[in-house]
PDB file of N, CA and C in Angstrom:
ATOM      1  N   MET A   1     -58.581 152.506 -53.245  1.00  0.00           N
ATOM      2  CA  MET A   1     -57.447 153.365 -52.930  1.00  0.00           C
ATOM      3  C   MET A   1     -56.980 153.712 -54.519  1.00  0.00           C
ATOM      4  N   GLU A   2     -56.280 155.273 -53.959  1.00  0.00           N
ATOM      5  CA  GLU A   2     -56.521 155.879 -55.227  1.00  0.00           C
ATOM      6  C   GLU A   2     -54.544 155.298 -55.466  1.00  0.00           C
ATOM      7  N   ASP A   3     -54.474 156.002 -57.094  1.00  0.00           N
ATOM      8  CA  ASP A   3     -52.825 155.401 -56.953  1.00  0.00           C
ATOM      9  C   ASP A   3     -52.047 156.659 -56.272  1.00  0.00           C
ATOM     10  N   LEU A   4     -51.013 156.367 -55.668  1.00  0.00           N
ATOM     11  CA  LEU A   4     -49.477 157.448 -55.260  1.00  0.00           C
ATOM     12  C   LEU A   4     -49.171 157.710 -56.608  1.00  0.00           C
ATOM     13  N   THR A   5     -48.793 158.937 -56.813  1.00  0.00           N
ATOM     14  CA  THR A   5     -48.042 159.868 -57.628  1.00  0.00           C
ATOM     15  C   THR A   5     -46.950 160.090 -57.579  1.00  0.00           C
ATOM     16  N   ARG A   6     -45.794 160.203 -58.396  1.00  0.00           N
ATOM     17  CA  ARG A   6     -44.301 160.400 -57.955  1.00  0.00           C
ATOM     18  C   ARG A   6     -43.980 161.067 -56.932  1.00  0.00           C
ATOM     19  N   GLU A   7     -45.075 162.465 -57.166  1.00  0.00           N
ATOM     20  CA  GLU A   7     -44.781 163.357 -55.930  1.00  0.00           C
ATOM     21  C   GLU A   7     -45.177 163.468 -54.667  1.00  0.00           C
ATOM     22  N   ASP A   8     -46.553 162.753 -54.886  1.00  0.00           N
ATOM     23  CA  ASP A   8     -46.604 162.153 -53.992  1.00  0.00           C
ATOM     24  C   ASP A   8     -45.940 161.332 -52.960  1.00  0.00           C
ATOM     25  N   TRP A   9     -45.416 160.207 -53.437  1.00  0.00           N
ATOM     26  CA  TRP A   9     -44.461 159.613 -53.258  1.00  0.00           C
ATOM     27  C   TRP A   9     -42.879 160.555 -52.391  1.00  0.00           C
ATOM     28  N   LEU A  10     -42.495 161.758 -53.133  1.00  0.00           N
ATOM     29  CA  LEU A  10     -41.871 162.156 -52.837  1.00  0.00           C
ATOM     30  C   LEU A  10     -42.557 162.942 -51.351  1.00  0.00           C
ATOM     31  N   LYS A  11     -43.035 163.378 -51.129  1.00  0.00           N
ATOM     32  CA  LYS A  11     -43.520 163.873 -49.845  1.00  0.00           C
ATOM     33  C   LYS A  11     -43.417 162.863 -48.682  1.00  0.00           C
ATOM     34  N   ILE A  12     -44.200 161.760 -49.119  1.00  0.00           N
ATOM     35  CA  ILE A  12     -44.023 161.105 -48.283  1.00  0.00           C
ATOM     36  C   ILE A  12     -42.687 160.309 -47.729  1.00  0.00           C
ATOM     37  N   LEU A  13     -41.616 160.306 -48.879  1.00  0.00           N
ATOM     38  CA  LEU A  13     -40.356 159.785 -48.636  1.00  0.00           C
ATOM     39  C   LEU A  13     -39.538 161.125 -47.283  1.00  0.00           C
ATOM     40  N   THR A  14     -39.606 162.001 -47.916  1.00  0.00           N
ATOM     41  CA  THR A  14     -39.159 163.521 -47.357  1.00  0.00           C
ATOM     42  C   THR A  14     -39.808 163.580 -45.921  1.00  0.00           C
ATOM     43  N   GLY A  15     -40.970 163.622 -45.801  1.00  0.00           N
ATOM     44  CA  GLY A  15     -41.861 163.899 -44.663  1.00  0.00           C
ATOM     45  C   GLY A  15     -41.130 162.873 -43.822  1.00  0.00           C
ATOM     46  N   ALA A  16     -40.932 160.836 -44.195  1.00  0.00           N
ATOM     47  CA  ALA A  16     -40.379 159.977 -43.105  1.00  0.00           C
ATOM     48  C   ALA A  16     -38.694 160.384 -42.572  1.00  0.00           C
ATOM     49  N   ASN A  17     -38.710 161.285 -44.280  1.00  0.00           N
ATOM     50  CA  ASN A  17     -36.987 160.979 -43.492  1.00  0.00           C
ATOM     51  C   ASN A  17     -36.731 162.732 -42.334  1.00  0.00           C
ATOM     52  N   MET A  18     -37.894 163.036 -42.700  1.00  0.00           N
ATOM     53  CA  MET A  18     -37.543 165.117 -41.882  1.00  0.00           C
ATOM     54  C   MET A  18     -38.218 164.229 -40.266  1.00  0.00           C
ATOM     55  N   ARG A  19     -38.977 163.370 -40.354  1.00  0.00           N
ATOM     56  CA  ARG A  19     -38.807 163.051 -38.827  1.00  0.00           C
ATOM     57  C   ARG A  19     -38.553 161.841 -38.414  1.00  0.00           C
ATOM     58  N   TYR A  20     -37.796 160.996 -38.800  1.00  0.00           N
ATOM     59  CA  TYR A  20     -36.349 160.191 -38.549  1.00  0.00           C
ATOM     60  C   TYR A  20     -35.520 160.428 -38.080  1.00  0.00           C
ATOM     61  N   LYS A  21     -35.460 161.602 -38.715  1.00  0.00           N
ATOM     62  CA  LYS A  21     -33.963 162.479 -38.388  1.00  0.00           C
ATOM     63  C   LYS A  21     -33.969 162.612 -36.744  1.00  0.00           C
ATOM     64  N   PRO A  22     -32.865 162.346 -35.731  1.00  0.00           N
ATOM     65  CA  PRO A  22     -32.570 162.654 -34.930  1.00  0.00           C
ATOM     66  C   PRO A  22     -32.204 163.834 -34.069  1.00  0.00           C
TER      67      PRO A  22
END
């Protein structure tokens, strides 16, 4: 598996926040 960079994590976290917003 490739190590995720900080930017990758930001994309994942922001994407999750957008997804779970009502």
